[in-house]
Amino acid sequence: MGHVYVTVKISDPLKKRVKNVKMLVDTEATYPCIPINLAEDLGLKLEFKTKVILADGREIEAWYATAYIEILGRGDIMPIRVFNVEEPLVGVLALEALGLAVDPVTGEVKLTRSFIARA
């Protein structure tokens, strides 16, 4: 299938600073992950550090933050991880919360169910 990317509208929870960011959809990552410079640009509050286990098995510390994430017109406020990630990632938490999934045939992100949360 290859890599799947999607344009994500990401902002602080109050939507004061909004950016459209191309993010890699990683169905093996739990949380959305963004680099610290993007978090700073968005004015996100870095609340505390937490341990994260990367795909290669390394354990690192990452900041916990909260952001508004919108994909395909569906958005909600959710926890994210902030660290020196190579590229921004969308994890399964965001996909599930927003009623989205990756279609393995087309490699596109698609709607999977109705969606009632609006932030």
Protein backbone atom coordinates (compact mmCIF):
# COMPACT_ATOMS: atom_id res chain seq x y z
CA MET A 1 0.00 0.00 0.00
CA GLY A 2 2.84 2.43 0.71
CA HIS A 3 2.78 5.51 2.87
CA VAL A 4 -0.52 7.31 3.46
CA TYR A 5 -0.58 11.05 4.05
CA VAL A 6 -3.48 13.30 4.92
CA THR A 7 -3.84 17.05 5.39
CA VAL A 8 -4.70 17.75 9.01
CA LYS A 9 -6.04 20.99 10.41
CA ILE A 10 -4.31 21.27 13.78
CA SER A 11 -4.57 24.02 16.36
CA ASP A 12 -4.57 24.89 20.01
CA PRO A 13 -7.77 23.73 21.74
CA LEU A 14 -9.34 27.22 21.42
CA LYS A 15 -8.51 27.37 17.69
CA LYS A 16 -6.58 30.64 18.02
CA ARG A 17 -3.64 29.37 15.95
CA VAL A 18 -4.54 27.00 13.11
CA LYS A 19 -2.24 25.28 10.62
CA ASN A 20 -2.83 22.81 7.82
CA VAL A 21 -0.16 20.13 8.12
CA LYS A 22 0.59 17.14 5.90
CA MET A 23 0.85 14.20 8.30
CA LEU A 24 1.80 10.56 7.87
CA VAL A 25 -1.01 8.21 8.85
CA ASP A 26 0.63 5.61 11.08
CA THR A 27 -1.78 2.84 12.05
CA GLU A 28 0.80 1.40 14.44
CA ALA A 29 1.14 4.65 16.40
CA THR A 30 -1.34 5.29 19.19
CA TYR A 31 -1.22 9.08 19.51
CA PRO A 32 -0.79 11.90 17.06
CA CYS A 33 2.85 13.02 17.30
CA ILE A 34 4.25 16.40 16.29
CA PRO A 35 7.65 18.09 16.55
CA ILE A 36 8.26 20.66 19.26
CA ASN A 37 8.59 23.58 16.80
CA LEU A 38 5.07 22.93 15.49
CA ALA A 39 3.73 22.75 19.04
CA GLU A 40 5.38 26.09 19.80
CA ASP A 41 3.97 27.65 16.60
CA LEU A 42 0.49 26.53 17.66
CA GLY A 43 0.97 27.82 21.20
CA LEU A 44 0.26 24.42 22.73
CA LYS A 45 0.69 24.01 26.46
CA LEU A 46 3.30 21.30 27.10
CA GLU A 47 1.86 19.83 30.28
CA PHE A 48 4.23 17.09 31.44
CA LYS A 49 6.64 14.50 30.07
CA THR A 50 5.61 10.90 29.55
CA LYS A 51 7.40 7.80 28.25
CA VAL A 52 6.83 6.74 24.65
CA ILE A 53 8.01 3.51 23.03
CA LEU A 54 8.94 4.04 19.39
CA ALA A 55 8.44 1.53 16.57
CA ASP A 56 12.11 0.50 16.79
CA GLY A 57 11.69 -0.33 20.50
CA ARG A 58 13.48 2.72 21.89
CA GLU A 59 11.89 4.37 24.90
CA ILE A 60 11.97 8.17 24.96
CA GLU A 61 10.34 11.01 26.86
CA ALA A 62 7.74 13.12 25.07
CA TRP A 63 5.61 16.05 26.12
CA TYR A 64 1.88 15.52 26.66
CA ALA A 65 -0.23 18.26 25.10
CA THR A 66 -3.81 18.76 23.95
CA ALA A 67 -4.70 19.94 20.45
CA TYR A 68 -7.68 20.30 18.15
CA ILE A 69 -7.29 17.93 15.20
CA GLU A 70 -9.54 17.94 12.14
CA ILE A 71 -9.41 15.48 9.24
CA LEU A 72 -11.92 15.36 6.36
CA GLY A 73 -14.09 17.92 8.16
CA ARG A 74 -14.27 15.91 11.39
CA GLY A 75 -12.54 17.43 14.39
CA ASP A 76 -12.14 17.07 18.12
CA ILE A 77 -9.78 17.97 20.95
CA MET A 78 -7.41 15.15 21.81
CA PRO A 79 -4.14 14.27 23.53
CA ILE A 80 -0.98 14.35 21.45
CA ARG A 81 2.71 13.64 22.02
CA VAL A 82 5.37 16.24 21.27
CA PHE A 83 9.00 15.25 20.69
CA ASN A 84 11.73 15.29 18.05
CA VAL A 85 9.67 13.22 15.58
CA GLU A 86 10.97 13.13 11.98
CA GLU A 87 7.57 13.99 10.54
CA PRO A 88 4.14 14.63 12.08
CA LEU A 89 2.10 11.45 12.58
CA VAL A 90 -1.60 10.71 12.87
CA GLY A 91 -2.10 7.72 15.16
CA VAL A 92 -5.06 5.40 15.61
CA LEU A 93 -6.45 7.42 18.51
CA ALA A 94 -7.25 10.28 16.13
CA LEU A 95 -8.58 7.96 13.42
CA GLU A 96 -10.88 6.11 15.82
CA ALA A 97 -12.06 9.25 17.60
CA LEU A 98 -12.99 10.88 14.30
CA GLY A 99 -14.56 7.77 12.73
CA LEU A 100 -11.87 7.34 10.08
CA ALA A 101 -9.79 4.47 8.72
CA VAL A 102 -7.26 3.77 5.99
CA ASP A 103 -8.70 1.88 3.03
CA PRO A 104 -6.01 -0.75 2.32
CA VAL A 105 -7.00 -1.02 -1.35
CA THR A 106 -6.83 2.68 -2.24
CA GLY A 107 -4.48 3.88 0.50
CA GLU A 108 -6.86 6.73 1.30
CA VAL A 109 -8.30 7.86 4.60
CA LYS A 110 -12.07 7.35 4.54
CA LEU A 111 -15.10 7.81 6.78
CA THR A 112 -16.06 4.63 8.66
CA ARG A 113 -19.10 5.66 10.70
CA SER A 114 -21.27 8.59 11.58
CA PHE A 115 -19.67 11.24 13.72
CA ILE A 116 -21.42 13.24 16.43
CA ALA A 117 -18.64 15.01 18.35
CA ARG A 118 -18.03 18.61 17.39
CA ALA A 119 -15.43 20.73 19.15
